[in-house]
Amino acid sequence: MVAQALGAPLDVVVVRKLGVPGQPELAMGAITGVGEDVVVVRNERVLGHTGVREHAFRKVLDAEKAELRRREELYRGDRPPLPVQGKVVLLVDDGLATGSSMRAAIAALRLQHPARLVVAVPVGSASSCAGVGREADDVVCAWAPEPFYGVGQGYYDFSQTSDAEVRDLLAASRERWDRAAAAGADGGETDPGRRRDRRPPPVRHPWRAPSVTR
């Protein structure tokens, strides 16, 4: 919806959370792929608090690496990621809890030299939004509740997005931009984001009174 409203191309940065053994929702780190390489971000605060040993961390890491590559192939097929060098990148997630997943995405994208990295989330922990803000060029967090219990408190419906939904959204975005490229080759409009009659779709905000954390 964000990409559609902005008239921007949509891509996905596949990130896998490294959950604490026995507490998989608590992130002790995260990984994402950059070509054949994998960027690993560790959450040393969580690791220290939970006492997870290195061999246990590595076991979770190896399992999530395999899942990372499976999802990349599932979502993209044989199409490469969108080039971001010299471009403004808007990184959107459902929220920031520990911030590990977003930090992994930022680290991976930094290696591709975008002009600017902006993070946007509807809800998040104030401390995590501030921490991510030290690594991104800007952070927009619509609601940072105190106390913060989890990302789900910002939603009426926090059900997971299915793999099929992700594939459909990416395919629809690619189709729009492929059509625009074909029209440009025929002398028509080359960028669907530049249509003057474009209007953002109505948005229902699932969070309460917004505040901005930088």
Protein backbone atom coordinates (compact mmCIF):
# COMPACT_ATOMS: atom_id res chain seq x y z
CA MET A 1 0.00 0.00 0.00
CA VAL A 2 2.86 2.43 0.79
CA ALA A 3 4.56 1.81 -2.57
CA GLN A 4 1.21 2.16 -4.35
CA ALA A 5 0.44 5.44 -2.60
CA LEU A 6 3.87 6.85 -3.48
CA GLY A 7 3.88 5.49 -7.02
CA ALA A 8 7.16 3.73 -6.23
CA PRO A 9 8.47 0.28 -7.20
CA LEU A 10 8.14 -2.41 -4.55
CA ASP A 11 10.75 -4.94 -3.52
CA VAL A 12 11.36 -7.07 -0.47
CA VAL A 13 14.38 -7.36 1.80
CA VAL A 14 14.13 -10.87 3.19
CA VAL A 15 15.20 -10.85 6.83
CA ARG A 16 15.10 -13.76 9.24
CA LYS A 17 14.91 -13.18 12.95
CA LEU A 18 17.23 -15.27 15.10
CA GLY A 19 14.96 -16.22 17.96
CA VAL A 20 16.21 -17.19 21.40
CA PRO A 21 15.92 -21.00 21.86
CA GLY A 22 12.70 -21.61 23.77
CA GLN A 23 11.61 -17.98 23.20
CA PRO A 24 11.49 -17.72 19.39
CA GLU A 25 9.66 -14.36 19.42
CA LEU A 26 12.56 -12.73 21.29
CA ALA A 27 15.23 -11.73 18.75
CA MET A 28 18.86 -12.32 19.67
CA GLY A 29 19.81 -11.16 16.17
CA ALA A 30 18.78 -11.22 12.53
CA ILE A 31 20.17 -12.06 9.10
CA THR A 32 19.60 -10.93 5.53
CA GLY A 33 21.21 -11.76 2.20
CA VAL A 34 23.45 -9.59 0.03
CA GLY A 35 24.09 -11.58 -3.13
CA GLU A 36 25.81 -14.77 -2.05
CA ASP A 37 26.76 -13.31 1.32
CA VAL A 38 24.71 -13.13 4.50
CA VAL A 39 24.75 -10.14 6.85
CA VAL A 40 24.45 -11.15 10.52
CA VAL A 41 23.36 -8.66 13.19
CA ARG A 42 23.66 -9.75 16.83
CA ASN A 43 21.65 -8.27 19.69
CA GLU A 44 24.28 -8.40 22.41
CA ARG A 45 21.89 -7.08 25.06
CA VAL A 46 19.47 -9.97 24.54
CA LEU A 47 22.31 -12.48 24.23
CA GLY A 48 23.79 -11.29 27.51
CA HIS A 49 20.45 -11.25 29.31
CA THR A 50 19.42 -14.74 28.16
CA GLY A 51 22.84 -16.38 28.41
CA VAL A 52 22.60 -18.05 24.98
CA ARG A 53 25.87 -19.84 24.22
CA GLU A 54 27.68 -19.50 20.91
CA HIS A 55 26.95 -23.06 19.75
CA ALA A 56 23.21 -22.50 20.36
CA PHE A 57 23.38 -19.20 18.46
CA ARG A 58 25.11 -20.93 15.52
CA LYS A 59 22.51 -23.68 15.41
CA VAL A 60 19.70 -21.14 15.05
CA LEU A 61 21.79 -19.16 12.55
CA ASP A 62 22.34 -22.17 10.27
CA ALA A 63 18.63 -23.07 10.27
CA GLU A 64 17.58 -19.52 9.46
CA LYS A 65 20.15 -19.20 6.64
CA ALA A 66 18.47 -22.08 4.85
CA GLU A 67 15.04 -20.50 5.35
CA LEU A 68 16.36 -17.13 4.16
CA ARG A 69 17.52 -18.55 0.83
CA ARG A 70 14.29 -20.52 0.40
CA ARG A 71 12.19 -17.40 0.82
CA GLU A 72 14.38 -15.31 -1.47
CA GLU A 73 13.88 -17.84 -4.25
CA LEU A 74 10.19 -18.16 -3.46
CA TYR A 75 9.52 -14.42 -3.58
CA ARG A 76 11.82 -13.36 -6.41
CA GLY A 77 12.34 -16.41 -8.56
CA ASP A 78 15.08 -15.58 -11.06
CA ARG A 79 14.54 -11.80 -10.92
CA PRO A 80 17.33 -9.82 -9.22
CA PRO A 81 16.62 -7.28 -6.46
CA LEU A 82 15.83 -3.74 -7.54
CA PRO A 83 18.99 -1.61 -7.87
CA VAL A 84 19.13 0.99 -5.08
CA GLN A 85 22.50 2.66 -5.65
CA GLY A 86 22.05 6.43 -5.58
CA LYS A 87 18.34 6.16 -4.77
CA VAL A 88 16.19 7.05 -1.77
CA VAL A 89 15.06 3.81 -0.11
CA LEU A 90 12.01 3.66 2.14
CA LEU A 91 12.21 0.64 4.44
CA VAL A 92 8.80 -0.28 5.85
CA ASP A 93 8.06 -2.93 8.47
CA ASP A 94 5.07 -3.79 10.64
CA GLY A 95 6.87 -2.40 13.69
CA LEU A 96 10.05 -2.31 15.76
CA ALA A 97 10.41 -4.47 18.86
CA THR A 98 14.13 -5.14 19.39
CA GLY A 99 15.01 -3.57 16.02
CA SER A 100 17.31 -6.46 15.07
CA SER A 101 15.53 -7.28 11.80
CA MET A 102 15.52 -3.65 10.66
CA ARG A 103 19.19 -3.21 11.56
CA ALA A 104 20.05 -6.25 9.41
CA ALA A 105 18.08 -4.79 6.49
CA ILE A 106 19.84 -1.43 6.89
CA ALA A 107 23.28 -3.07 7.02
CA ALA A 108 22.57 -5.04 3.84
CA LEU A 109 21.25 -2.03 1.93
CA ARG A 110 24.14 0.20 3.03
CA LEU A 111 26.46 -2.12 1.10
CA GLN A 112 24.54 -1.16 -2.06
CA HIS A 113 25.15 2.60 -1.54
CA PRO A 114 21.69 4.18 -1.61
CA ALA A 115 21.53 7.97 -1.50
CA ARG A 116 19.33 7.89 1.60
CA LEU A 117 17.72 5.27 3.86
CA VAL A 118 14.44 6.14 5.57
CA VAL A 119 12.74 3.71 7.98
CA ALA A 120 8.97 3.92 8.47
CA VAL A 121 6.95 1.87 10.96
CA PRO A 122 3.47 2.28 12.44
CA VAL A 123 4.46 1.24 15.97
CA GLY A 124 7.61 0.51 17.90
CA SER A 125 9.57 0.63 21.11
CA ALA A 126 10.89 4.15 21.69
CA SER A 127 14.37 2.83 22.50
CA SER A 128 14.46 0.63 19.38
CA CYS A 129 13.26 3.47 17.15
CA ALA A 130 16.00 5.66 18.60
CA GLY A 131 18.60 2.91 18.11
CA VAL A 132 17.58 2.33 14.49
CA GLY A 133 17.70 6.09 14.00
CA ARG A 134 21.44 6.00 14.66
CA GLU A 135 21.89 3.68 11.65
CA ALA A 136 19.26 5.00 9.21
CA ASP A 137 19.20 8.52 7.77
CA ASP A 138 15.73 9.09 9.20
CA VAL A 139 13.11 7.15 11.16
CA VAL A 140 9.36 7.76 11.24
CA CYS A 141 7.58 5.86 14.02
CA ALA A 142 3.89 6.75 14.16
CA TRP A 143 3.31 5.44 17.70
CA ALA A 144 5.80 4.59 20.42
CA PRO A 145 3.62 3.49 23.36
CA GLU A 146 4.82 3.49 26.94
CA PRO A 147 4.91 0.85 28.21
CA PHE A 148 5.68 -1.11 25.06
CA TYR A 149 4.58 -4.77 25.15
CA GLY A 150 5.00 -5.77 21.51
CA VAL A 151 4.28 -4.76 17.92
CA GLY A 152 0.90 -6.50 18.07
CA GLN A 153 -0.49 -3.90 20.46
CA GLY A 154 -0.64 -1.48 17.53
CA TYR A 155 -3.01 -3.65 15.47
CA TYR A 156 -6.59 -4.80 15.52
CA ASP A 157 -5.55 -7.73 13.29
CA PHE A 158 -1.94 -8.91 13.55
CA SER A 159 -2.23 -12.10 11.49
CA GLN A 160 0.78 -13.05 9.37
CA THR A 161 1.10 -12.14 5.71
CA SER A 162 1.27 -15.35 3.69
CA ASP A 163 3.97 -16.21 1.16
CA ALA A 164 1.28 -16.16 -1.55
CA GLU A 165 0.28 -12.60 -0.62
CA VAL A 166 3.91 -11.43 -0.77
CA ARG A 167 4.41 -13.02 -4.19
CA ASP A 168 1.18 -11.49 -5.50
CA LEU A 169 2.11 -7.98 -4.29
CA LEU A 170 5.60 -8.19 -5.81
CA ALA A 171 4.23 -9.56 -9.08
CA ALA A 172 1.62 -6.77 -9.30
CA SER A 173 4.27 -4.10 -8.72
CA ARG A 174 6.61 -5.62 -11.32
CA GLU A 175 3.75 -5.81 -13.82
CA ARG A 176 2.96 -2.10 -13.37
CA TRP A 177 6.57 -1.09 -13.89
CA ASP A 178 7.09 -3.49 -16.80
CA ARG A 179 4.04 -1.98 -18.49
CA ALA A 180 5.43 1.50 -17.90
CA ALA A 181 8.78 0.49 -19.41
CA ALA A 182 7.02 -0.94 -22.46
CA ALA A 183 4.96 2.24 -22.83
CA GLY A 184 8.16 4.29 -22.60
CA ALA A 185 9.66 2.30 -25.45
CA ASP A 186 6.61 3.33 -27.51
CA GLY A 187 6.98 6.98 -26.52
CA GLY A 188 4.49 6.90 -23.61
CA GLU A 189 4.86 7.51 -19.87
CA THR A 190 7.86 5.62 -18.48
CA ASP A 191 7.22 6.07 -14.76
CA PRO A 192 3.86 5.11 -13.21
CA GLY A 193 4.80 7.19 -10.18
CA ARG A 194 4.65 10.39 -12.26
CA ARG A 195 1.02 10.17 -13.30
CA ARG A 196 -0.57 13.48 -12.34
CA ASP A 197 -3.97 11.95 -11.65
CA ARG A 198 -2.54 9.53 -9.11
CA ARG A 199 -4.18 9.68 -5.68
CA PRO A 200 -3.10 7.75 -2.59
CA PRO A 201 -5.64 5.13 -1.52
CA PRO A 202 -7.47 5.74 1.76
CA VAL A 203 -5.56 4.35 4.75
CA ARG A 204 -7.04 3.05 7.99
CA HIS A 205 -4.56 3.71 10.76
CA PRO A 206 -4.44 0.75 13.16
CA TRP A 207 -2.64 2.76 15.82
CA ARG A 208 -3.73 5.52 18.18
CA ALA A 209 -2.56 9.11 18.63
CA PRO A 210 0.70 9.26 16.66
CA SER A 211 4.02 10.49 17.92
CA VAL A 212 7.28 10.73 16.02
CA THR A 213 10.51 9.24 17.26
CA ARG A 214 13.80 10.23 15.69
